[in-house]
Amino acid sequence: MPVSTLFISDLHLCGDRPAITRLFLDFLRHRARTADALYILGDLFEYWIGDEAVDQDEFRVIIGGLRDLTTNGTPVLVIHGNRDFLMARGFEKSTGCRLLPDPTLIELHGTPTLLMHGDTLCTDDIEYMAFRAKVRDSGWQQEFLGKSIAERDAIVRNYREISKNSTSNKKPEIMDVNQEAVESVMRAHNVQRLIHGHTHRPKEHVFDLDGRPARRMVLGDWYEQGSVLSVDARGWRLESLPLTARNPATVRADAS
C-alpha cells in the first residue's frame, strides 16, 4: 500500500471534550505512525495562551502524544490557526513538531500544493478580519504574553464567549471563503491545488482557474467525529474517523 501524507485541522482540543482527545491520541498511536508526514492546518487547540500551556493538565497528554509520534520518526508540520496562533518555540521543543508559515507551498506527490489554515480567505467577514489583525499585531501579543497565566486564561475564555455570540448572528455565507480571495492566493503562488481548514465545511471544490482545472480541498472539524485527508500516489481521500459508543461526542462548539 502506498505511503500516505495526512492532513487534519480544526480539532479544537481542550479539557471539555475528552472523547475527541482520546480519538486524536489513538490516531497518533496508529494511523499517523504509518504516514510519511502529518500536517495540522490550524486550530489543533481550542485556545493557546502562550507556550506555558504545554504544562497545563488538559494539554499535557496531547503534547506527549505528539512527542511520541515525532520521536517515532513521523514528521509533524503545524500551521497556526485562529485559536492557537501563539504557539511558538516552546511548543516545537516540547512536541518535536515544526511550525510552518501560513500559507506554505509544498510538493505533494509531484503536484505543487498550497496549505493554509483558511481564515485569511474569509474576507467577507469584516468583523473577524479586524479582530484577526488586532491579535496578530506584535504589540498586542507582547502585552498579552506579559500578563499572568490566570489573566490570559480569563481573557481567552471571554473571547471564546464573544466569538460564540458573534458567530450565531452571522449569515453562513459571510463566514465562508471568498472565491476571489481563493483565486488570488492560488495565482500568487502559481498553484492549481489548495488544502485548508477553518470553515468546518469538508468538501472538494473543483473550478476553473485561468483556463485550467483547479482543486480546493476543505478539511473537516473534529467536533462530532474525526476528519482526515489522506493523499498518496493513487489520489486524495477525505475520510471520517468515528467516535465509539464508549466515547460519544459532546455538544458541538462554535465553528470559527
C-alpha atoms as a PDB file:
ATOM      1  CA  MET A   1       0.000   0.000   0.000  1.00  0.00           C
ATOM      2  CA  PRO A   2       1.404   3.456  -0.918  1.00  0.00           C
ATOM      3  CA  VAL A   3       2.547   5.619   1.961  1.00  0.00           C
ATOM      4  CA  SER A   4       0.137   8.477   2.676  1.00  0.00           C
ATOM      5  CA  THR A   5       0.568  12.090   3.636  1.00  0.00           C
ATOM      6  CA  LEU A   6      -2.103  13.055   6.168  1.00  0.00           C
ATOM      7  CA  PHE A   7      -3.819  16.415   6.715  1.00  0.00           C
ATOM      8  CA  ILE A   8      -6.063  17.420   9.617  1.00  0.00           C
ATOM      9  CA  SER A   9      -7.341  20.684  11.085  1.00  0.00           C
ATOM     10  CA  ASP A  10      -9.817  22.229  13.493  1.00  0.00           C
ATOM     11  CA  LEU A  11      -9.574  19.698  16.291  1.00  0.00           C
ATOM     12  CA  HIS A  12     -10.117  22.405  18.944  1.00  0.00           C
ATOM     13  CA  LEU A  13      -8.726  20.092  21.616  1.00  0.00           C
ATOM     14  CA  CYS A  14      -9.485  21.045  25.209  1.00  0.00           C
ATOM     15  CA  GLY A  15     -10.421  19.507  28.522  1.00  0.00           C
ATOM     16  CA  ASP A  16     -14.140  19.943  27.815  1.00  0.00           C
ATOM     17  CA  ARG A  17     -14.089  17.331  25.033  1.00  0.00           C
ATOM     18  CA  PRO A  18     -12.171  14.306  26.352  1.00  0.00           C
ATOM     19  CA  ALA A  19     -13.643  11.879  23.800  1.00  0.00           C
ATOM     20  CA  ILE A  20     -12.106  13.836  20.928  1.00  0.00           C
ATOM     21  CA  THR A  21      -8.774  13.965  22.737  1.00  0.00           C
ATOM     22  CA  ARG A  22      -8.862  10.173  23.098  1.00  0.00           C
ATOM     23  CA  LEU A  23      -9.737   9.805  19.419  1.00  0.00           C
ATOM     24  CA  PHE A  24      -6.828  12.053  18.458  1.00  0.00           C
ATOM     25  CA  LEU A  25      -4.363  10.174  20.655  1.00  0.00           C
ATOM     26  CA  ASP A  26      -5.495   6.895  19.117  1.00  0.00           C
ATOM     27  CA  PHE A  27      -4.998   8.440  15.674  1.00  0.00           C
ATOM     28  CA  LEU A  28      -1.443   9.449  16.622  1.00  0.00           C
ATOM     29  CA  ARG A  29      -0.597   5.994  18.002  1.00  0.00           C
ATOM     30  CA  HIS A  30      -1.845   4.067  14.991  1.00  0.00           C
ATOM     31  CA  ARG A  31      -2.818   5.761  11.711  1.00  0.00           C
ATOM     32  CA  ALA A  32      -0.310   8.613  11.858  1.00  0.00           C
ATOM     33  CA  ARG A  33       2.628   6.296  12.595  1.00  0.00           C
ATOM     34  CA  THR A  34       2.365   4.787   9.119  1.00  0.00           C
ATOM     35  CA  ALA A  35       2.291   8.163   7.326  1.00  0.00           C
ATOM     36  CA  ASP A  36       5.244   9.837   5.673  1.00  0.00           C
ATOM     37  CA  ALA A  37       4.129  13.114   7.297  1.00  0.00           C
ATOM     38  CA  LEU A  38       1.251  14.632   9.250  1.00  0.00           C
ATOM     39  CA  TYR A  39       0.189  18.212   8.557  1.00  0.00           C
ATOM     40  CA  ILE A  40      -2.034  20.024  11.071  1.00  0.00           C
ATOM     41  CA  LEU A  41      -3.543  23.063   9.365  1.00  0.00           C
ATOM     42  CA  GLY A  42      -4.571  25.142  12.346  1.00  0.00           C
ATOM     43  CA  ASP A  43      -6.737  25.085  15.456  1.00  0.00           C
ATOM     44  CA  LEU A  44      -5.196  21.983  16.951  1.00  0.00           C
ATOM     45  CA  PHE A  45      -6.211  23.502  20.287  1.00  0.00           C
ATOM     46  CA  GLU A  46      -9.352  25.339  21.325  1.00  0.00           C
ATOM     47  CA  TYR A  47      -7.093  28.045  22.736  1.00  0.00           C
ATOM     48  CA  TRP A  48      -3.408  28.600  23.462  1.00  0.00           C
ATOM     49  CA  ILE A  49      -2.421  31.246  25.992  1.00  0.00           C
ATOM     50  CA  GLY A  50       1.288  31.003  25.178  1.00  0.00           C
ATOM     51  CA  ASP A  51       3.798  28.203  25.430  1.00  0.00           C
ATOM     52  CA  GLU A  52       3.223  27.877  29.159  1.00  0.00           C
ATOM     53  CA  ALA A  53       0.173  25.889  28.038  1.00  0.00           C
ATOM     54  CA  VAL A  54       2.402  22.852  27.444  1.00  0.00           C
ATOM     55  CA  ASP A  55       2.360  22.373  31.228  1.00  0.00           C
ATOM     56  CA  GLN A  56      -1.415  22.701  31.641  1.00  0.00           C
ATOM     57  CA  ASP A  57      -3.104  19.469  32.688  1.00  0.00           C
ATOM     58  CA  GLU A  58      -5.620  19.455  29.827  1.00  0.00           C
ATOM     59  CA  PHE A  59      -2.870  19.696  27.196  1.00  0.00           C
ATOM     60  CA  ARG A  60      -0.065  17.626  28.733  1.00  0.00           C
ATOM     61  CA  VAL A  61      -1.286  14.298  27.355  1.00  0.00           C
ATOM     62  CA  ILE A  62      -1.669  15.813  23.869  1.00  0.00           C
ATOM     63  CA  ILE A  63       1.856  17.226  23.968  1.00  0.00           C
ATOM     64  CA  GLY A  64       3.098  13.792  24.993  1.00  0.00           C
ATOM     65  CA  GLY A  65       1.237  12.083  22.162  1.00  0.00           C
ATOM     66  CA  LEU A  66       2.753  14.417  19.591  1.00  0.00           C
ATOM     67  CA  ARG A  67       6.214  13.950  21.061  1.00  0.00           C
ATOM     68  CA  ASP A  68       5.853  10.159  20.896  1.00  0.00           C
ATOM     69  CA  LEU A  69       4.880  10.393  17.214  1.00  0.00           C
ATOM     70  CA  THR A  70       7.756  12.659  16.195  1.00  0.00           C
ATOM     71  CA  THR A  71      10.220  10.596  18.249  1.00  0.00           C
ATOM     72  CA  ASN A  72       8.984   7.546  16.361  1.00  0.00           C
ATOM     73  CA  GLY A  73      10.049   9.248  13.117  1.00  0.00           C
ATOM     74  CA  THR A  74       6.874  10.775  11.652  1.00  0.00           C
ATOM     75  CA  PRO A  75       7.343  14.478  10.830  1.00  0.00           C
ATOM     76  CA  VAL A  76       4.522  16.674  12.151  1.00  0.00           C
ATOM     77  CA  LEU A  77       4.175  20.082  10.486  1.00  0.00           C
ATOM     78  CA  VAL A  78       1.814  22.637  12.029  1.00  0.00           C
ATOM     79  CA  ILE A  79       0.248  25.861  10.735  1.00  0.00           C
ATOM     80  CA  HIS A  80      -1.228  28.291  13.244  1.00  0.00           C
ATOM     81  CA  GLY A  81      -4.995  28.594  13.448  1.00  0.00           C
ATOM     82  CA  ASN A  82      -7.104  31.446  14.711  1.00  0.00           C
ATOM     83  CA  ARG A  83      -7.291  29.811  18.158  1.00  0.00           C
ATOM     84  CA  ASP A  84      -3.685  28.707  18.679  1.00  0.00           C
ATOM     85  CA  PHE A  85      -1.627  31.363  16.894  1.00  0.00           C
ATOM     86  CA  LEU A  86       0.562  31.904  19.975  1.00  0.00           C
ATOM     87  CA  MET A  87       2.256  28.513  19.625  1.00  0.00           C
ATOM     88  CA  ALA A  88       5.983  29.197  19.360  1.00  0.00           C
ATOM     89  CA  ARG A  89       9.401  27.713  20.042  1.00  0.00           C
ATOM     90  CA  GLY A  90       8.313  26.179  23.350  1.00  0.00           C
ATOM     91  CA  PHE A  91       5.611  24.195  21.583  1.00  0.00           C
ATOM     92  CA  GLU A  92       8.093  22.982  18.971  1.00  0.00           C
ATOM     93  CA  LYS A  93      10.632  21.954  21.597  1.00  0.00           C
ATOM     94  CA  SER A  94       8.087  20.078  23.714  1.00  0.00           C
ATOM     95  CA  THR A  95       6.475  18.178  20.835  1.00  0.00           C
ATOM     96  CA  GLY A  96       9.119  17.830  18.143  1.00  0.00           C
ATOM     97  CA  CYS A  97       6.654  19.409  15.700  1.00  0.00           C
ATOM     98  CA  ARG A  98       7.704  22.149  13.285  1.00  0.00           C
ATOM     99  CA  LEU A  99       5.682  25.321  12.835  1.00  0.00           C
ATOM    100  CA  LEU A 100       5.140  26.469   9.247  1.00  0.00           C
ATOM    101  CA  PRO A 101       4.165  29.893   7.877  1.00  0.00           C
ATOM    102  CA  ASP A 102       0.648  30.440   6.589  1.00  0.00           C
ATOM    103  CA  PRO A 103       0.479  29.879   3.668  1.00  0.00           C
ATOM    104  CA  THR A 104       3.056  27.173   2.905  1.00  0.00           C
ATOM    105  CA  LEU A 105       3.791  25.701  -0.522  1.00  0.00           C
ATOM    106  CA  ILE A 106       4.766  22.022  -0.696  1.00  0.00           C
ATOM    107  CA  GLU A 107       5.363  19.434  -3.374  1.00  0.00           C
ATOM    108  CA  LEU A 108       2.689  16.797  -2.761  1.00  0.00           C
ATOM    109  CA  HIS A 109       3.327  13.610  -4.709  1.00  0.00           C
ATOM    110  CA  GLY A 110       4.609  15.634  -7.643  1.00  0.00           C
ATOM    111  CA  THR A 111       1.985  18.394  -7.504  1.00  0.00           C
ATOM    112  CA  PRO A 112       2.665  21.895  -6.096  1.00  0.00           C
ATOM    113  CA  THR A 113       0.062  22.344  -3.355  1.00  0.00           C
ATOM    114  CA  LEU A 114      -0.685  25.347  -1.168  1.00  0.00           C
ATOM    115  CA  LEU A 115      -1.514  24.781   2.504  1.00  0.00           C
ATOM    116  CA  MET A 116      -3.387  27.323   4.634  1.00  0.00           C
ATOM    117  CA  HIS A 117      -5.470  27.485   7.774  1.00  0.00           C
ATOM    118  CA  GLY A 118      -8.094  29.280   5.698  1.00  0.00           C
ATOM    119  CA  ASP A 119      -9.232  32.182   7.857  1.00  0.00           C
ATOM    120  CA  THR A 120      -7.492  34.770   5.671  1.00  0.00           C
ATOM    121  CA  LEU A 121      -9.734  33.652   2.799  1.00  0.00           C
ATOM    122  CA  CYS A 122     -12.881  34.701   4.690  1.00  0.00           C
ATOM    123  CA  THR A 123     -12.601  38.310   3.590  1.00  0.00           C
ATOM    124  CA  ASP A 124     -16.363  38.939   3.692  1.00  0.00           C
ATOM    125  CA  ASP A 125     -16.296  38.604   7.489  1.00  0.00           C
ATOM    126  CA  ILE A 126     -15.148  42.156   8.132  1.00  0.00           C
ATOM    127  CA  GLU A 127     -15.582  41.882  11.904  1.00  0.00           C
ATOM    128  CA  TYR A 128     -13.402  38.784  12.136  1.00  0.00           C
ATOM    129  CA  MET A 129     -10.701  40.170   9.845  1.00  0.00           C
ATOM    130  CA  ALA A 130     -10.426  43.271  12.046  1.00  0.00           C
ATOM    131  CA  PHE A 131     -10.148  41.116  15.171  1.00  0.00           C
ATOM    132  CA  ARG A 132      -7.520  38.938  13.474  1.00  0.00           C
ATOM    133  CA  ALA A 133      -5.421  41.971  12.606  1.00  0.00           C
ATOM    134  CA  LYS A 134      -5.620  43.118  16.218  1.00  0.00           C
ATOM    135  CA  VAL A 135      -4.489  39.870  17.867  1.00  0.00           C
ATOM    136  CA  ARG A 136      -1.788  39.154  15.253  1.00  0.00           C
ATOM    137  CA  ASP A 137      -0.168  42.522  15.982  1.00  0.00           C
ATOM    138  CA  SER A 138       3.187  42.045  17.723  1.00  0.00           C
ATOM    139  CA  GLY A 139       2.440  44.811  20.222  1.00  0.00           C
ATOM    140  CA  TRP A 140      -0.842  43.199  21.281  1.00  0.00           C
ATOM    141  CA  GLN A 141       0.848  39.814  21.617  1.00  0.00           C
ATOM    142  CA  GLN A 142       3.699  41.207  23.689  1.00  0.00           C
ATOM    143  CA  GLU A 143       1.237  42.885  26.054  1.00  0.00           C
ATOM    144  CA  PHE A 144      -0.904  39.739  26.282  1.00  0.00           C
ATOM    145  CA  LEU A 145       2.047  37.423  26.982  1.00  0.00           C
ATOM    146  CA  GLY A 146       3.236  39.831  29.687  1.00  0.00           C
ATOM    147  CA  LYS A 147       0.122  39.116  31.753  1.00  0.00           C
ATOM    148  CA  SER A 148      -0.175  36.309  34.293  1.00  0.00           C
ATOM    149  CA  ILE A 149      -1.412  32.896  33.193  1.00  0.00           C
ATOM    150  CA  ALA A 150      -4.661  33.439  35.089  1.00  0.00           C
ATOM    151  CA  GLU A 151      -5.235  36.787  33.373  1.00  0.00           C
ATOM    152  CA  ARG A 152      -4.507  35.359  29.933  1.00  0.00           C
ATOM    153  CA  ASP A 153      -6.809  32.418  30.544  1.00  0.00           C
ATOM    154  CA  ALA A 154      -9.647  34.746  31.588  1.00  0.00           C
ATOM    155  CA  ILE A 155      -9.156  36.938  28.503  1.00  0.00           C
ATOM    156  CA  VAL A 156      -9.201  33.950  26.152  1.00  0.00           C
ATOM    157  CA  ARG A 157     -12.316  32.465  27.730  1.00  0.00           C
ATOM    158  CA  ASN A 158     -14.048  35.833  27.345  1.00  0.00           C
ATOM    159  CA  TYR A 159     -13.048  35.958  23.674  1.00  0.00           C
ATOM    160  CA  ARG A 160     -14.500  32.467  23.209  1.00  0.00           C
ATOM    161  CA  GLU A 161     -17.878  33.597  24.532  1.00  0.00           C
ATOM    162  CA  ILE A 162     -17.816  36.697  22.330  1.00  0.00           C
ATOM    163  CA  SER A 163     -16.970  34.505  19.334  1.00  0.00           C
ATOM    164  CA  LYS A 164     -19.868  32.147  20.016  1.00  0.00           C
ATOM    165  CA  ASN A 165     -22.342  35.018  20.256  1.00  0.00           C
ATOM    166  CA  SER A 166     -20.959  36.738  17.177  1.00  0.00           C
ATOM    167  CA  THR A 167     -20.959  33.564  15.082  1.00  0.00           C
ATOM    168  CA  SER A 168     -24.569  32.766  15.921  1.00  0.00           C
ATOM    169  CA  ASN A 169     -25.656  36.125  14.482  1.00  0.00           C
ATOM    170  CA  LYS A 170     -23.783  35.904  11.181  1.00  0.00           C
ATOM    171  CA  LYS A 171     -25.058  34.532   7.904  1.00  0.00           C
ATOM    172  CA  PRO A 172     -23.281  31.274   6.987  1.00  0.00           C
ATOM    173  CA  GLU A 173     -22.007  32.659   3.692  1.00  0.00           C
ATOM    174  CA  ILE A 174     -20.263  35.523   5.494  1.00  0.00           C
ATOM    175  CA  MET A 175     -18.092  33.008   7.379  1.00  0.00           C
ATOM    176  CA  ASP A 176     -17.165  31.011   4.282  1.00  0.00           C
ATOM    177  CA  VAL A 177     -14.229  31.737   1.991  1.00  0.00           C
ATOM    178  CA  ASN A 178     -14.420  34.372  -0.700  1.00  0.00           C
ATOM    179  CA  GLN A 179     -13.826  32.807  -4.119  1.00  0.00           C
ATOM    180  CA  GLU A 180     -11.915  35.835  -5.384  1.00  0.00           C
ATOM    181  CA  ALA A 181      -9.584  35.570  -2.380  1.00  0.00           C
ATOM    182  CA  VAL A 182      -9.083  31.869  -3.134  1.00  0.00           C
ATOM    183  CA  GLU A 183      -8.198  32.519  -6.757  1.00  0.00           C
ATOM    184  CA  SER A 184      -5.939  35.437  -5.862  1.00  0.00           C
ATOM    185  CA  VAL A 185      -3.788  33.458  -3.428  1.00  0.00           C
ATOM    186  CA  MET A 186      -3.582  30.491  -5.791  1.00  0.00           C
ATOM    187  CA  ARG A 187      -2.428  32.758  -8.624  1.00  0.00           C
ATOM    188  CA  ALA A 188       0.117  34.418  -6.352  1.00  0.00           C
ATOM    189  CA  HIS A 189       1.694  31.018  -5.605  1.00  0.00           C
ATOM    190  CA  ASN A 190       1.162  29.619  -9.116  1.00  0.00           C
ATOM    191  CA  VAL A 191      -0.751  26.537  -7.942  1.00  0.00           C
ATOM    192  CA  GLN A 192      -3.858  24.652  -9.017  1.00  0.00           C
ATOM    193  CA  ARG A 193      -4.198  22.819  -5.673  1.00  0.00           C
ATOM    194  CA  LEU A 194      -5.148  24.234  -2.262  1.00  0.00           C
ATOM    195  CA  ILE A 195      -5.838  22.497   1.062  1.00  0.00           C
ATOM    196  CA  HIS A 196      -7.252  24.399   4.031  1.00  0.00           C
ATOM    197  CA  GLY A 197      -9.483  24.163   7.082  1.00  0.00           C
ATOM    198  CA  HIS A 198     -11.176  26.791   9.292  1.00  0.00           C
ATOM    199  CA  THR A 199     -14.665  26.819   7.771  1.00  0.00           C
ATOM    200  CA  HIS A 200     -15.608  23.320   9.046  1.00  0.00           C
ATOM    201  CA  ARG A 201     -17.247  22.557   5.689  1.00  0.00           C
ATOM    202  CA  PRO A 202     -15.420  19.481   4.373  1.00  0.00           C
ATOM    203  CA  LYS A 203     -15.732  19.271   0.630  1.00  0.00           C
ATOM    204  CA  GLU A 204     -13.737  19.129  -2.576  1.00  0.00           C
ATOM    205  CA  HIS A 205     -14.285  22.151  -4.824  1.00  0.00           C
ATOM    206  CA  VAL A 206     -13.295  21.859  -8.486  1.00  0.00           C
ATOM    207  CA  PHE A 207     -13.317  25.037 -10.569  1.00  0.00           C
ATOM    208  CA  ASP A 208     -11.668  26.769 -13.490  1.00  0.00           C
ATOM    209  CA  LEU A 209      -8.663  28.961 -12.747  1.00  0.00           C
ATOM    210  CA  ASP A 210      -7.364  30.879 -15.745  1.00  0.00           C
ATOM    211  CA  GLY A 211      -8.429  28.161 -18.161  1.00  0.00           C
ATOM    212  CA  ARG A 212      -7.063  25.261 -16.138  1.00  0.00           C
ATOM    213  CA  PRO A 213      -8.843  22.921 -13.686  1.00  0.00           C
ATOM    214  CA  ALA A 214      -8.185  23.839 -10.054  1.00  0.00           C
ATOM    215  CA  ARG A 215      -8.931  21.920  -6.880  1.00  0.00           C
ATOM    216  CA  ARG A 216      -9.628  23.186  -3.344  1.00  0.00           C
ATOM    217  CA  MET A 217      -9.997  20.667  -0.552  1.00  0.00           C
ATOM    218  CA  VAL A 218     -11.611  21.801   2.696  1.00  0.00           C
ATOM    219  CA  LEU A 219     -10.812  19.718   5.770  1.00  0.00           C
ATOM    220  CA  GLY A 220     -13.451  18.769   8.309  1.00  0.00           C
ATOM    221  CA  ASP A 221     -13.517  19.588  12.010  1.00  0.00           C
ATOM    222  CA  TRP A 222     -13.239  17.171  14.933  1.00  0.00           C
ATOM    223  CA  TYR A 223     -16.378  18.072  16.864  1.00  0.00           C
ATOM    224  CA  GLU A 224     -18.631  15.047  16.300  1.00  0.00           C
ATOM    225  CA  GLN A 225     -16.037  12.781  14.657  1.00  0.00           C
ATOM    226  CA  GLY A 226     -12.507  12.885  13.336  1.00  0.00           C
ATOM    227  CA  SER A 227     -11.683  14.028   9.816  1.00  0.00           C
ATOM    228  CA  VAL A 228      -8.511  13.318   7.835  1.00  0.00           C
ATOM    229  CA  LEU A 229      -7.396  13.884   4.261  1.00  0.00           C
ATOM    230  CA  SER A 230      -5.125  11.102   3.037  1.00  0.00           C
ATOM    231  CA  VAL A 231      -3.042  11.740  -0.076  1.00  0.00           C
ATOM    232  CA  ASP A 232      -0.865   9.173  -1.828  1.00  0.00           C
ATOM    233  CA  ALA A 233       0.153   8.265  -5.372  1.00  0.00           C
ATOM    234  CA  ARG A 234      -3.354   6.928  -6.037  1.00  0.00           C
ATOM    235  CA  GLY A 235      -5.187  10.120  -5.163  1.00  0.00           C
ATOM    236  CA  TRP A 236      -6.926  12.104  -2.402  1.00  0.00           C
ATOM    237  CA  ARG A 237      -9.408  10.654   0.109  1.00  0.00           C
ATOM    238  CA  LEU A 238     -11.293  12.677   2.713  1.00  0.00           C
ATOM    239  CA  GLU A 239     -12.192  10.248   5.497  1.00  0.00           C
ATOM    240  CA  SER A 240     -14.211  10.322   8.718  1.00  0.00           C
ATOM    241  CA  LEU A 241     -12.947   8.809  11.972  1.00  0.00           C
ATOM    242  CA  PRO A 242     -15.987   7.788  14.028  1.00  0.00           C
ATOM    243  CA  LEU A 243     -16.246   8.027  17.753  1.00  0.00           C
ATOM    244  CA  THR A 244     -17.143   4.812  19.515  1.00  0.00           C
ATOM    245  CA  ALA A 245     -20.278   4.284  21.574  1.00  0.00           C
ATOM    246  CA  ARG A 246     -17.992   4.333  24.604  1.00  0.00           C
ATOM    247  CA  ASN A 247     -16.736   7.784  23.674  1.00  0.00           C
ATOM    248  CA  PRO A 248     -19.702   9.770  22.318  1.00  0.00           C
ATOM    249  CA  ALA A 249     -19.238  13.292  21.042  1.00  0.00           C
ATOM    250  CA  THR A 250     -20.000  16.227  23.299  1.00  0.00           C
ATOM    251  CA  VAL A 251     -22.018  19.291  22.339  1.00  0.00           C
ATOM    252  CA  ARG A 252     -20.719  20.987  19.210  1.00  0.00           C
ATOM    253  CA  ALA A 253     -18.907  24.287  19.739  1.00  0.00           C
ATOM    254  CA  ASP A 254     -18.933  27.367  17.501  1.00  0.00           C
ATOM    255  CA  ALA A 255     -17.353  26.981  14.101  1.00  0.00           C
ATOM    256  CA  SER A 256     -14.888  29.860  13.908  1.00  0.00           C
END
